[in-house]
Amino acid sequence: MRRTVLIAAGATAGLLALRTATKGRGPAVMETMMSRCWEMLPEEAPPVRMLHDLSTIREQNDRILRLLEQRMDSPS
């Protein structure tokens, strides 16, 4: 019980210190942390694959839309 209270107090103090140290720079610090996390992820990680898949889907959709526009513009 005593150990749990000490751990909780330490975690709270750490979070408060981090919040005070990053006051006014929160979004910049978060952006830096997230970019470092993305750099450490392997290429096969699910979030990275998901983003690649989304860009592939966008490219395919753009290609399909261009083809449809060409068909509508050309006389039949």
N, C-alpha and C. Protein backbone atom coordinates (compact mmCIF):
# COMPACT_ATOMS: atom_id res chain seq x y z
N MET A 1 0.83 -1.19 0.00
CA MET A 1 0.00 0.00 0.00
C MET A 1 0.87 1.26 0.00
N ARG A 2 1.86 1.23 0.87
CA ARG A 2 2.74 2.39 0.97
C ARG A 2 3.52 2.60 -0.34
N ARG A 3 3.95 1.50 -0.93
CA ARG A 3 4.69 1.57 -2.19
C ARG A 3 3.81 2.15 -3.29
N THR A 4 2.55 1.74 -3.34
CA THR A 4 1.62 2.23 -4.35
C THR A 4 1.42 3.74 -4.21
N VAL A 5 1.28 4.21 -2.98
CA VAL A 5 1.09 5.64 -2.74
C VAL A 5 2.34 6.41 -3.17
N LEU A 6 3.52 5.87 -2.87
CA LEU A 6 4.77 6.54 -3.26
C LEU A 6 4.93 6.57 -4.79
N ILE A 7 4.57 5.49 -5.45
CA ILE A 7 4.65 5.46 -6.92
C ILE A 7 3.68 6.46 -7.52
N ALA A 8 2.46 6.51 -7.00
CA ALA A 8 1.46 7.45 -7.51
C ALA A 8 1.91 8.89 -7.28
N ALA A 9 2.48 9.16 -6.10
CA ALA A 9 2.96 10.52 -5.81
C ALA A 9 4.12 10.88 -6.73
N GLY A 10 5.01 9.95 -6.97
CA GLY A 10 6.14 10.21 -7.87
C GLY A 10 5.69 10.45 -9.30
N ALA A 11 4.72 9.66 -9.76
CA ALA A 11 4.20 9.84 -11.12
C ALA A 11 3.51 11.19 -11.25
N THR A 12 2.74 11.57 -10.24
CA THR A 12 2.06 12.86 -10.26
C THR A 12 3.07 14.01 -10.27
N ALA A 13 4.10 13.90 -9.45
CA ALA A 13 5.13 14.94 -9.41
C ALA A 13 5.85 15.03 -10.75
N GLY A 14 6.12 13.89 -11.35
CA GLY A 14 6.78 13.88 -12.66
C GLY A 14 5.93 14.53 -13.73
N LEU A 15 4.64 14.22 -13.74
CA LEU A 15 3.74 14.82 -14.72
C LEU A 15 3.61 16.33 -14.52
N LEU A 16 3.53 16.76 -13.27
CA LEU A 16 3.46 18.19 -12.99
C LEU A 16 4.74 18.90 -13.41
N ALA A 17 5.89 18.26 -13.18
CA ALA A 17 7.16 18.86 -13.59
C ALA A 17 7.23 18.96 -15.11
N LEU A 18 6.78 17.92 -15.81
CA LEU A 18 6.77 17.95 -17.27
C LEU A 18 5.84 19.02 -17.79
N ARG A 19 4.68 19.14 -17.16
CA ARG A 19 3.71 20.16 -17.59
C ARG A 19 4.28 21.56 -17.38
N THR A 20 4.94 21.78 -16.26
CA THR A 20 5.53 23.09 -15.97
C THR A 20 6.68 23.39 -16.93
N ALA A 21 7.49 22.39 -17.22
CA ALA A 21 8.64 22.59 -18.10
C ALA A 21 8.23 22.87 -19.53
N THR A 22 7.08 22.34 -19.94
CA THR A 22 6.65 22.51 -21.34
C THR A 22 5.53 23.53 -21.48
N LYS A 23 5.30 24.33 -20.46
CA LYS A 23 4.20 25.29 -20.51
C LYS A 23 4.38 26.25 -21.68
N GLY A 24 3.38 26.34 -22.51
CA GLY A 24 3.44 27.20 -23.68
C GLY A 24 4.09 26.54 -24.89
N ARG A 25 4.73 25.39 -24.68
CA ARG A 25 5.37 24.69 -25.79
C ARG A 25 4.80 23.29 -25.95
N GLY A 26 3.65 23.06 -25.38
CA GLY A 26 3.05 21.73 -25.38
C GLY A 26 2.90 21.11 -26.75
N PRO A 27 2.27 21.80 -27.70
CA PRO A 27 2.10 21.19 -29.02
C PRO A 27 3.43 20.91 -29.72
N ALA A 28 4.41 21.79 -29.55
CA ALA A 28 5.71 21.58 -30.19
C ALA A 28 6.41 20.36 -29.59
N VAL A 29 6.33 20.22 -28.27
CA VAL A 29 6.95 19.08 -27.60
C VAL A 29 6.26 17.80 -28.04
N MET A 30 4.93 17.82 -28.11
CA MET A 30 4.18 16.64 -28.52
C MET A 30 4.52 16.26 -29.96
N GLU A 31 4.63 17.25 -30.83
CA GLU A 31 4.98 16.99 -32.24
C GLU A 31 6.36 16.35 -32.34
N THR A 32 7.32 16.86 -31.55
CA THR A 32 8.67 16.30 -31.56
C THR A 32 8.66 14.86 -31.07
N MET A 33 7.92 14.61 -29.99
CA MET A 33 7.84 13.26 -29.45
C MET A 33 7.22 12.30 -30.46
N MET A 34 6.14 12.72 -31.11
CA MET A 34 5.48 11.85 -32.08
C MET A 34 6.37 11.59 -33.29
N SER A 35 7.10 12.60 -33.75
CA SER A 35 7.98 12.39 -34.90
C SER A 35 9.09 11.40 -34.56
N ARG A 36 9.59 11.46 -33.34
CA ARG A 36 10.62 10.49 -32.93
C ARG A 36 10.04 9.09 -32.85
N CYS A 37 8.81 8.98 -32.38
CA CYS A 37 8.16 7.66 -32.32
C CYS A 37 7.99 7.09 -33.72
N TRP A 38 7.55 7.92 -34.67
CA TRP A 38 7.35 7.45 -36.05
C TRP A 38 8.67 7.01 -36.67
N GLU A 39 9.77 7.71 -36.34
CA GLU A 39 11.08 7.35 -36.89
C GLU A 39 11.54 5.99 -36.36
N MET A 40 11.17 5.66 -35.12
CA MET A 40 11.61 4.40 -34.53
C MET A 40 10.78 3.21 -35.00
N LEU A 41 9.59 3.45 -35.54
CA LEU A 41 8.75 2.35 -35.99
C LEU A 41 9.35 1.67 -37.21
N PRO A 42 9.31 0.34 -37.24
CA PRO A 42 9.75 -0.35 -38.45
C PRO A 42 8.77 -0.11 -39.59
N GLU A 43 9.22 -0.31 -40.80
CA GLU A 43 8.39 -0.05 -41.98
C GLU A 43 7.16 -0.96 -42.02
N GLU A 44 7.26 -2.14 -41.41
CA GLU A 44 6.15 -3.09 -41.44
C GLU A 44 5.16 -2.89 -40.29
N ALA A 45 5.36 -1.88 -39.47
CA ALA A 45 4.46 -1.64 -38.34
C ALA A 45 3.07 -1.29 -38.86
N PRO A 46 2.02 -1.76 -38.19
CA PRO A 46 0.66 -1.51 -38.68
C PRO A 46 0.32 -0.04 -38.96
N PRO A 47 0.68 0.92 -38.10
CA PRO A 47 0.33 2.31 -38.42
C PRO A 47 1.03 2.81 -39.68
N VAL A 48 2.29 2.40 -39.88
CA VAL A 48 3.03 2.84 -41.06
C VAL A 48 2.41 2.22 -42.31
N ARG A 49 2.09 0.92 -42.23
CA ARG A 49 1.44 0.25 -43.37
C ARG A 49 0.10 0.88 -43.67
N MET A 50 -0.63 1.24 -42.62
CA MET A 50 -1.95 1.83 -42.81
C MET A 50 -1.82 3.16 -43.56
N LEU A 51 -0.84 3.98 -43.19
CA LEU A 51 -0.66 5.26 -43.87
C LEU A 51 -0.24 5.07 -45.32
N HIS A 52 0.62 4.07 -45.57
CA HIS A 52 0.99 3.79 -46.96
C HIS A 52 -0.22 3.32 -47.75
N ASP A 53 -1.05 2.49 -47.12
CA ASP A 53 -2.25 2.01 -47.80
C ASP A 53 -3.20 3.17 -48.10
N LEU A 54 -3.32 4.12 -47.18
CA LEU A 54 -4.19 5.27 -47.42
C LEU A 54 -3.69 6.10 -48.60
N SER A 55 -2.39 6.29 -48.68
CA SER A 55 -1.86 7.06 -49.81
C SER A 55 -2.06 6.31 -51.12
N THR A 56 -1.95 4.99 -51.09
CA THR A 56 -2.21 4.19 -52.29
C THR A 56 -3.66 4.30 -52.71
N ILE A 57 -4.57 4.26 -51.75
CA ILE A 57 -5.99 4.39 -52.06
C ILE A 57 -6.28 5.76 -52.66
N ARG A 58 -5.68 6.80 -52.11
CA ARG A 58 -5.87 8.15 -52.66
C ARG A 58 -5.38 8.23 -54.10
N GLU A 59 -4.21 7.65 -54.35
CA GLU A 59 -3.67 7.66 -55.71
C GLU A 59 -4.60 6.92 -56.68
N GLN A 60 -5.12 5.78 -56.25
CA GLN A 60 -6.03 5.02 -57.10
C GLN A 60 -7.32 5.80 -57.35
N ASN A 61 -7.84 6.44 -56.31
CA ASN A 61 -9.06 7.24 -56.48
C ASN A 61 -8.84 8.40 -57.45
N ASP A 62 -7.69 9.06 -57.33
CA ASP A 62 -7.38 10.16 -58.25
C ASP A 62 -7.29 9.66 -59.69
N ARG A 63 -6.67 8.50 -59.86
CA ARG A 63 -6.55 7.93 -61.21
C ARG A 63 -7.92 7.58 -61.78
N ILE A 64 -8.78 6.99 -60.96
CA ILE A 64 -10.13 6.64 -61.41
C ILE A 64 -10.92 7.89 -61.76
N LEU A 65 -10.81 8.93 -60.94
CA LEU A 65 -11.52 10.18 -61.23
C LEU A 65 -11.04 10.81 -62.54
N ARG A 66 -9.73 10.77 -62.77
CA ARG A 66 -9.20 11.31 -64.04
C ARG A 66 -9.74 10.53 -65.23
N LEU A 67 -9.78 9.20 -65.11
CA LEU A 67 -10.32 8.37 -66.20
C LEU A 67 -11.80 8.67 -66.45
N LEU A 68 -12.56 8.83 -65.37
CA LEU A 68 -13.98 9.14 -65.53
C LEU A 68 -14.18 10.50 -66.18
N GLU A 69 -13.38 11.48 -65.78
CA GLU A 69 -13.48 12.81 -66.38
C GLU A 69 -13.12 12.77 -67.86
N GLN A 70 -12.12 11.97 -68.21
CA GLN A 70 -11.74 11.84 -69.62
C GLN A 70 -12.87 11.22 -70.43
N ARG A 71 -13.53 10.21 -69.86
CA ARG A 71 -14.64 9.56 -70.56
C ARG A 71 -15.81 10.52 -70.75
N MET A 72 -16.06 11.35 -69.75
CA MET A 72 -17.18 12.28 -69.85
C MET A 72 -16.88 13.41 -70.84
N ASP A 73 -15.60 13.79 -70.94
CA ASP A 73 -15.21 14.87 -71.86
C ASP A 73 -15.15 14.40 -73.31
N SER A 74 -14.79 13.15 -73.52
CA SER A 74 -14.67 12.66 -74.90
C SER A 74 -16.04 12.32 -75.47
N PRO A 75 -16.27 12.65 -76.74
CA PRO A 75 -17.57 12.33 -77.35
C PRO A 75 -17.69 10.83 -77.59
N SER A 76 -18.86 10.29 -77.36
CA SER A 76 -19.05 8.85 -77.53
C SER A 76 -19.56 8.54 -78.91
